Protein backbone atom coordinates (compact mmCIF):
# COMPACT_ATOMS: atom_id res chain seq x y z
CA UNK A 1 -7.02 -7.01 -10.43
CA UNK A 2 -6.36 -3.81 -8.53
CA UNK A 3 -7.42 -0.36 -9.64
CA UNK A 4 -5.35 1.05 -12.52
CA UNK A 5 -3.15 4.05 -12.12
CA UNK A 6 -2.51 5.94 -15.35
CA UNK A 7 -0.95 9.28 -16.09
CA UNK A 8 -3.33 11.34 -18.24
CA UNK A 9 -2.89 13.75 -21.15
CA UNK A 10 -1.83 17.16 -19.77
CA UNK A 11 0.91 19.65 -20.32
CA UNK A 12 4.10 17.84 -19.46
CA UNK A 13 7.18 19.41 -21.07
CA UNK A 14 10.91 19.98 -20.85
CA UNK A 15 12.24 23.16 -19.23
CA UNK A 16 15.53 24.52 -20.52
CA UNK A 17 18.61 24.45 -18.33
CA UNK A 18 18.98 27.38 -15.97
CA UNK A 19 21.72 28.60 -13.70
CA UNK A 20 20.25 26.58 -10.89
CA UNK A 21 20.67 23.20 -12.61
CA UNK A 22 20.17 20.88 -15.61
CA UNK A 23 16.99 20.57 -17.70
CA UNK A 24 14.01 19.19 -15.80
CA UNK A 25 11.01 17.15 -16.86
CA UNK A 26 7.85 18.62 -15.46
CA UNK A 27 5.74 15.50 -15.89
CA UNK A 28 2.26 16.51 -14.88
CA UNK A 29 0.36 14.45 -17.39
CA UNK A 30 1.61 12.11 -20.08
CA UNK A 31 0.31 9.04 -21.85
CA UNK A 32 2.25 6.37 -19.97
CA UNK A 33 0.28 3.57 -18.35
CA UNK A 34 1.76 2.19 -15.13
CA UNK A 35 0.93 -1.53 -14.85
CA UNK A 36 -0.94 -2.62 -11.75
CA UNK A 37 0.35 -5.43 -9.57
CA UNK A 38 -2.03 -7.84 -11.28
CA UNK A 39 -0.80 -6.90 -14.75
CA UNK A 40 2.84 -7.19 -13.72
CA UNK A 41 2.10 -10.64 -12.33
CA UNK A 42 1.00 -11.58 -15.84
CA UNK A 43 3.52 -9.70 -17.98
CA UNK A 44 6.69 -11.24 -16.55
CA UNK A 45 5.59 -14.87 -17.12
CA UNK A 46 4.13 -13.86 -20.48
CA UNK A 47 7.50 -12.70 -21.79
CA UNK A 48 9.38 -15.53 -20.08
CA UNK A 49 6.88 -18.13 -21.31
CA UNK A 50 8.79 -18.70 -24.57
CA UNK A 51 11.48 -20.47 -22.50
CA UNK A 52 9.06 -22.68 -20.53
CA UNK A 53 7.88 -26.21 -21.16
CA UNK A 54 4.97 -26.36 -21.64
CA UNK A 55 5.06 -22.94 -23.28
CA UNK A 56 3.45 -20.07 -21.36
CA UNK A 57 2.20 -22.42 -18.64
CA UNK A 58 2.80 -19.98 -15.76
CA UNK A 59 1.18 -17.13 -17.67
CA UNK A 60 -1.94 -19.20 -18.42
CA UNK A 61 -2.26 -20.34 -14.81
CA UNK A 62 -2.07 -16.74 -13.58
CA UNK A 63 -4.45 -15.50 -16.26
CA UNK A 64 -6.92 -18.17 -15.19
CA UNK A 65 -6.63 -16.98 -11.58
CA UNK A 66 -6.89 -13.26 -12.46
CA UNK A 67 -10.02 -13.74 -14.57
CA UNK A 68 -11.54 -16.41 -12.28
CA UNK A 69 -11.71 -18.71 -15.31
CA UNK A 70 -11.97 -22.46 -15.29
CA UNK A 71 -9.67 -22.73 -18.32
CA UNK A 72 -7.32 -20.38 -20.16
CA UNK A 73 -6.25 -21.29 -23.69
CA UNK A 74 -3.63 -19.75 -25.97
CA UNK A 75 -3.84 -20.94 -29.59
CA UNK A 76 -1.27 -20.32 -32.34
CA UNK A 77 -2.84 -21.02 -35.70
CA UNK A 78 -0.36 -21.32 -38.61
CA UNK A 79 -1.78 -21.06 -42.13
CA UNK A 80 -2.17 -24.57 -43.53
CA UNK A 81 -0.65 -26.31 -40.49
CA UNK A 82 -1.90 -27.90 -37.29
CA UNK A 83 -2.73 -25.50 -34.47
CA UNK A 84 -0.51 -25.26 -31.40
CA UNK A 85 -2.96 -25.09 -28.48
CA UNK A 86 -1.69 -24.41 -24.97
CA UNK A 87 -3.85 -24.91 -21.88
CA UNK A 88 -7.56 -25.79 -22.04
CA UNK A 89 -6.96 -29.48 -22.67
CA UNK A 90 -10.54 -30.23 -23.60
CA UNK A 91 -10.25 -27.85 -26.59
CA UNK A 92 -7.10 -29.37 -28.10
CA UNK A 93 -8.56 -32.12 -30.30
CA UNK A 94 -11.16 -29.89 -31.98
CA UNK A 95 -9.77 -26.35 -31.83
CA UNK A 96 -10.62 -24.30 -34.91
CA UNK A 97 -9.99 -20.61 -35.66
CA UNK A 98 -12.88 -18.37 -34.60
CA UNK A 99 -14.52 -16.49 -37.44
CA UNK A 100 -15.19 -12.74 -37.40
CA UNK A 101 -12.64 -11.58 -34.80
CA UNK A 102 -11.39 -8.04 -35.24
CA UNK A 103 -7.71 -7.65 -34.51
CA UNK A 104 -7.12 -7.04 -30.80
CA UNK A 105 -10.77 -6.65 -29.77
CA UNK A 106 -12.08 -8.80 -26.91
CA UNK A 107 -15.47 -10.49 -27.39
CA UNK A 108 -18.05 -12.23 -25.27
CA UNK A 109 -18.68 -15.71 -26.62
CA UNK A 110 -22.18 -15.16 -28.05
CA UNK A 111 -20.93 -12.23 -30.18
CA UNK A 112 -18.89 -14.64 -32.30
CA UNK A 113 -20.99 -17.78 -32.05
CA UNK A 114 -19.34 -19.27 -28.96
CA UNK A 115 -20.75 -20.24 -25.56
CA UNK A 116 -21.99 -17.73 -22.99
CA UNK A 117 -19.13 -18.50 -20.59
CA UNK A 118 -16.36 -17.64 -23.11
CA UNK A 119 -14.32 -14.44 -23.51
CA UNK A 120 -11.94 -14.33 -26.49
CA UNK A 121 -9.46 -12.02 -28.20
CA UNK A 122 -7.70 -12.74 -31.49
CA UNK A 123 -5.19 -11.09 -33.81
CA UNK A 124 -3.26 -11.65 -36.99
CA UNK A 125 0.40 -12.02 -36.07
CA UNK A 126 1.48 -11.98 -39.73
CA UNK A 127 0.27 -13.32 -43.07
CA UNK A 128 0.95 -16.91 -42.03
CA UNK A 129 -0.01 -16.93 -38.34
CA UNK A 130 -3.10 -16.03 -36.33
CA UNK A 131 -3.46 -16.19 -32.55
CA UNK A 132 -6.34 -16.43 -30.07
CA UNK A 133 -6.48 -16.11 -26.29
CA UNK A 134 -9.57 -17.60 -24.64
CA UNK A 135 -10.80 -17.76 -21.05
CA UNK A 136 -13.81 -19.82 -20.08
CA UNK A 137 -15.79 -20.11 -16.87
CA UNK A 138 -19.21 -19.68 -15.31
CA UNK A 139 -18.01 -16.94 -12.90
CA UNK A 140 -15.64 -14.90 -15.04
CA UNK A 141 -14.48 -11.53 -13.69
CA UNK A 142 -16.19 -8.56 -15.35
CA UNK A 143 -12.74 -7.13 -16.11
CA UNK A 144 -11.75 -10.19 -18.17
CA UNK A 145 -12.44 -8.67 -21.65
CA UNK A 146 -10.54 -5.47 -20.85
CA UNK A 147 -7.60 -7.48 -19.54
CA UNK A 148 -7.49 -9.69 -22.63
CA UNK A 149 -7.45 -6.62 -24.87
CA UNK A 150 -4.72 -4.95 -22.81
CA UNK A 151 -2.52 -8.05 -23.08
CA UNK A 152 -2.58 -8.21 -26.89
CA UNK A 153 0.46 -5.92 -27.57
CA UNK A 154 2.51 -7.96 -25.11
CA UNK A 155 1.29 -11.22 -26.59
CA UNK A 156 2.28 -10.05 -30.08
CA UNK A 157 5.76 -9.25 -28.82
CA UNK A 158 6.09 -12.61 -27.07
CA UNK A 159 4.92 -14.49 -30.17
CA UNK A 160 7.46 -12.60 -32.32
CA UNK A 161 10.21 -13.76 -29.98
CA UNK A 162 8.83 -17.32 -30.03
CA UNK A 163 8.67 -17.36 -33.85
CA UNK A 164 12.26 -16.08 -34.11
CA UNK A 165 13.45 -18.70 -31.62
CA UNK A 166 11.63 -21.46 -33.49
CA UNK A 167 13.13 -20.37 -36.81
CA UNK A 168 16.61 -20.29 -35.31
CA UNK A 169 15.98 -23.62 -33.59
CA UNK A 170 15.09 -25.16 -36.94
CA UNK A 171 18.22 -23.79 -38.59
CA UNK A 172 20.36 -24.90 -35.67
CA UNK A 173 18.86 -28.38 -35.83
CA UNK A 174 19.90 -28.74 -39.48
CA UNK A 175 23.40 -27.47 -38.71
CA UNK A 176 23.74 -29.77 -35.72
CA UNK A 177 22.67 -32.76 -37.79
CA UNK A 178 25.29 -31.92 -40.43
CA UNK A 179 27.95 -31.56 -37.73
CA UNK A 180 26.80 -34.79 -36.09
CA UNK A 181 27.11 -36.66 -39.37
CA UNK A 182 30.62 -35.26 -39.78
CA UNK A 183 31.36 -36.28 -36.17
CA UNK A 184 32.36 -32.69 -35.47
CA UNK A 185 32.22 -31.13 -32.01
CA UNK A 186 33.71 -28.36 -29.90
CA UNK A 187 35.07 -28.03 -26.37
CA UNK A 188 36.01 -24.79 -24.59
CA UNK A 189 39.02 -24.94 -22.27
CA UNK A 190 40.41 -22.59 -19.63
CA UNK A 191 44.13 -21.86 -19.24
CA UNK A 192 44.61 -25.09 -17.23
CA UNK A 193 42.98 -27.25 -19.94
CA UNK A 194 39.86 -27.67 -17.82
CA UNK A 195 36.58 -28.13 -19.70
CA UNK A 196 34.42 -25.00 -19.48
CA UNK A 197 31.69 -26.02 -21.91
CA UNK A 198 31.12 -28.39 -24.83
CA UNK A 199 28.48 -29.29 -27.36
CA UNK A 200 26.48 -32.53 -27.42
CA UNK A 201 28.62 -34.20 -30.06
CA UNK A 202 31.84 -33.57 -28.15
CA UNK A 203 30.13 -34.78 -24.98
CA UNK A 204 29.32 -38.08 -26.69
CA UNK A 205 32.94 -38.40 -27.78
CA UNK A 206 34.15 -37.77 -24.23
CA UNK A 207 31.75 -40.41 -22.93
CA UNK A 208 32.50 -43.21 -25.39
CA UNK A 209 35.90 -42.53 -26.97
CA UNK A 210 39.14 -43.69 -25.45
CA UNK A 211 41.05 -41.00 -27.33
CA UNK A 212 39.80 -38.07 -25.22
CA UNK A 213 38.35 -38.15 -21.72
CA UNK A 214 37.36 -35.91 -18.84
CA UNK A 215 40.12 -36.23 -16.25
CA UNK A 216 40.49 -35.04 -12.64
CA UNK A 217 39.24 -31.48 -12.01
CA UNK A 218 37.50 -31.62 -15.44
CA UNK A 219 40.79 -31.50 -17.30
CA UNK A 220 40.64 -32.60 -20.95
CA UNK A 221 42.93 -35.64 -21.22
CA UNK A 222 44.09 -37.14 -24.53
CA UNK A 223 44.97 -40.83 -24.23
CA UNK A 224 48.39 -40.25 -25.80
CA UNK A 225 51.00 -38.63 -23.54
CA UNK A 226 52.51 -36.87 -26.57
CA UNK A 227 49.10 -35.48 -27.58
CA UNK A 228 48.53 -34.35 -23.98
CA UNK A 229 51.81 -32.41 -23.97
CA UNK A 230 50.92 -30.76 -27.28
CA UNK A 231 47.46 -29.84 -26.01
CA UNK A 232 48.90 -28.28 -22.84
CA UNK A 233 51.44 -26.32 -24.89
CA UNK A 234 48.87 -25.09 -27.45
CA UNK A 235 46.35 -24.01 -24.78
CA UNK A 236 49.08 -22.11 -22.92
CA UNK A 237 49.93 -20.32 -26.18
CA UNK A 238 46.25 -19.39 -26.67
CA UNK A 239 46.07 -18.03 -23.11
CA UNK A 240 49.18 -15.91 -23.68
CA UNK A 241 48.24 -14.62 -27.13
CA UNK A 242 44.63 -14.31 -28.40
CA UNK A 243 46.06 -14.13 -31.94
CA UNK A 244 48.06 -17.35 -31.65
CA UNK A 245 47.98 -19.58 -34.71
CA UNK A 246 45.57 -22.55 -34.51
CA UNK A 247 47.34 -25.90 -34.14
CA UNK A 248 46.26 -29.43 -35.04
CA UNK A 249 46.87 -32.64 -33.09
CA UNK A 250 46.26 -36.09 -34.56
CA UNK A 251 44.74 -38.50 -32.04
CA UNK A 252 44.22 -41.54 -34.29
CA UNK A 253 44.86 -42.64 -37.86
CA UNK A 254 42.30 -45.45 -38.16
CA UNK A 255 39.68 -44.20 -37.78
CA UNK A 256 41.13 -40.76 -38.37
CA UNK A 257 40.59 -38.33 -35.49
CA UNK A 258 42.04 -34.80 -35.31
CA UNK A 259 41.59 -31.86 -33.00
CA UNK A 260 42.23 -28.20 -33.81
CA UNK A 261 43.23 -25.97 -30.89
CA UNK A 262 42.43 -22.31 -31.52
CA UNK A 263 42.25 -19.15 -29.34
CA UNK A 264 38.73 -18.46 -28.09
CA UNK A 265 38.01 -14.81 -28.85
CA UNK A 266 34.32 -14.56 -27.94
CA UNK A 267 33.59 -12.32 -24.97
CA UNK A 268 30.78 -13.83 -22.88
CA UNK A 269 28.93 -12.55 -19.85
CA UNK A 270 28.20 -16.01 -18.46
CA UNK A 271 28.74 -19.27 -20.36
CA UNK A 272 32.29 -19.71 -21.61
CA UNK A 273 33.62 -16.57 -19.94
CA UNK A 274 36.71 -18.38 -18.53
CA UNK A 275 37.60 -20.07 -21.82
CA UNK A 276 40.88 -19.22 -23.55
CA UNK A 277 40.91 -21.96 -26.20
CA UNK A 278 38.40 -23.77 -28.38
CA UNK A 279 39.13 -27.38 -29.26
CA UNK A 280 37.39 -28.45 -32.47
CA UNK A 281 37.06 -32.22 -32.72
CA UNK A 282 36.75 -33.93 -36.08
CA UNK A 283 36.58 -37.69 -35.87
CA UNK A 284 35.86 -40.25 -38.53
CA UNK A 285 33.23 -42.72 -37.35
CA UNK A 286 34.19 -45.45 -39.80
CA UNK A 287 37.28 -47.52 -40.48
CA UNK A 288 39.57 -47.12 -43.45
CA UNK A 289 38.07 -50.27 -45.01
CA UNK A 290 34.60 -48.71 -44.94
CA UNK A 291 35.96 -45.50 -46.46
CA UNK A 292 37.57 -47.49 -49.27
CA UNK A 293 34.17 -49.03 -50.09
CA UNK A 294 32.55 -45.58 -50.10
CA UNK A 295 35.24 -44.15 -52.41
CA UNK A 296 34.66 -47.02 -54.83
CA UNK A 297 30.94 -46.24 -54.84
CA UNK A 298 31.14 -42.43 -54.99
CA UNK A 299 34.00 -41.99 -57.49
CA UNK A 300 34.01 -45.40 -59.25
CA UNK A 301 37.60 -46.10 -58.19
CA UNK A 302 39.09 -49.56 -58.12
CA UNK A 303 39.81 -50.92 -54.64
CA UNK A 304 43.57 -50.34 -55.07
CA UNK A 305 42.92 -46.77 -56.19
CA UNK A 306 40.51 -46.22 -53.30
CA UNK A 307 43.06 -47.36 -50.72
CA UNK A 308 45.68 -45.03 -52.16
CA UNK A 309 43.21 -42.13 -52.49
CA UNK A 310 42.16 -42.39 -48.86
CA UNK A 311 45.77 -42.37 -47.64
CA UNK A 312 46.57 -39.34 -49.81
CA UNK A 313 43.42 -37.60 -48.55
CA UNK A 314 44.75 -38.03 -45.01
CA UNK A 315 47.85 -36.04 -45.95
CA UNK A 316 50.36 -38.74 -46.85
CA UNK A 317 52.65 -38.03 -49.77
CA UNK A 318 52.54 -40.36 -52.77
CA UNK A 319 55.79 -41.99 -51.60
CA UNK A 320 54.44 -42.45 -48.05
CA UNK A 321 51.12 -43.83 -49.32
CA UNK A 322 52.98 -46.19 -51.69
CA UNK A 323 55.05 -47.55 -48.80
CA UNK A 324 51.96 -47.98 -46.62
CA UNK A 325 50.26 -50.12 -49.27
CA UNK A 326 53.34 -52.01 -50.54
CA UNK A 327 53.44 -50.26 -53.92
CA UNK A 328 56.31 -48.84 -55.87
CA UNK A 329 56.36 -45.06 -56.18
CA UNK A 330 55.93 -45.41 -59.95
CA UNK A 331 52.81 -47.59 -59.54
CA UNK A 332 51.41 -45.14 -56.97
CA UNK A 333 51.97 -42.26 -59.40
CA UNK A 334 50.08 -44.13 -62.13
CA UNK A 335 47.22 -44.80 -59.68
CA UNK A 336 47.19 -41.17 -58.62
CA UNK A 337 46.71 -39.99 -62.23
CA UNK A 338 43.66 -42.26 -62.55
CA UNK A 339 42.37 -41.06 -59.17
CA UNK A 340 42.67 -37.40 -60.21
CA UNK A 341 40.87 -38.10 -63.49
CA UNK A 342 37.99 -39.94 -61.83
CA UNK A 343 37.52 -37.48 -58.97
CA UNK A 344 38.11 -34.33 -61.03
CA UNK A 345 40.99 -33.30 -58.74
CA UNK A 346 43.91 -31.30 -60.13
CA UNK A 347 46.43 -32.48 -57.56
CA UNK A 348 46.73 -33.87 -54.06
CA UNK A 349 45.48 -30.71 -52.32
CA UNK A 350 42.44 -30.71 -54.60
CA UNK A 351 41.92 -34.42 -53.91
CA UNK A 352 41.78 -33.73 -50.17
CA UNK A 353 39.11 -31.10 -50.79
CA UNK A 354 37.12 -33.39 -53.09
CA UNK A 355 37.13 -36.28 -50.62
CA UNK A 356 36.73 -34.46 -47.32
CA UNK A 357 34.12 -31.93 -48.48
CA UNK A 358 32.02 -34.37 -50.49
CA UNK A 359 28.96 -36.10 -49.02
CA UNK A 360 31.42 -38.86 -48.13
CA UNK A 361 32.39 -36.77 -45.10
CA UNK A 362 28.80 -37.02 -43.84
CA UNK A 363 28.29 -40.72 -44.56
């Protein structure tokens, strides 16, 4: 660590504007600390460490070097949960919170019942999380305790970011699982229908489905020539008018697969910045026969009622559904009344909502 340079306490103040120019800051002495090269070497990887795997690995390596330690350990200690211990591998199986640490104060090991070659600082991040930073070595730098103490405000900030990311990651994981179960994905396209970005679920569909594929120059290619023409037309409309109406394209009826093409209105600095349209993919992963079985189980329909209900839920009129299943329109109407009664639907539109927004959609 080099020698610190700090600006002290004196009489710095603003001077009012004069005829000779704008207001000036006469900064003789303030309270700002200018980080030394050694500190800066630590602070950048400290704040970037939340994006590393393993977490904070570069920061801990540099801290170990700066303090001449043999190990550097960063421990996150959630209330009632297993500790997350980074670095210092020999401490991982038995790490326990250190008793008697005052928030932000650095200690020599013997002060808190630890070994002579330990320097430690701890703090309470919030009511549910405590943290400790430990360096250990037989030839530790004399500046190690002061450095540990000086790092605490930055560590608190980095841990706040980490906690927020972890919370959002947990929420995102639940959402992604729900979308995965619904076989729902998204693809961003540029004005030439080229794939700009997509989520994991859509990527799986592109890899294994014959209905959509990645064509030459990364162009999104529906298997059907008619669907391809519609996609090209809808994307061109999105490129010309950000307020264009979203359009649907059916790719398959059994299993049922639709895409919705909508203008992409999100302004991005990097990822997705060339996108003009978002393609939302909703594909059923099971056959109509499997869906009939599930409708029988969920709504206690007969098999004939289930077949008709599934066709109506896909948007067919009663007459169209009757023709598809070899029924008279009158018989289909009688079935539909029983279907509405058993599902609690008040009509065909309500039936679609009951079927497609029930847990059946995630089965």
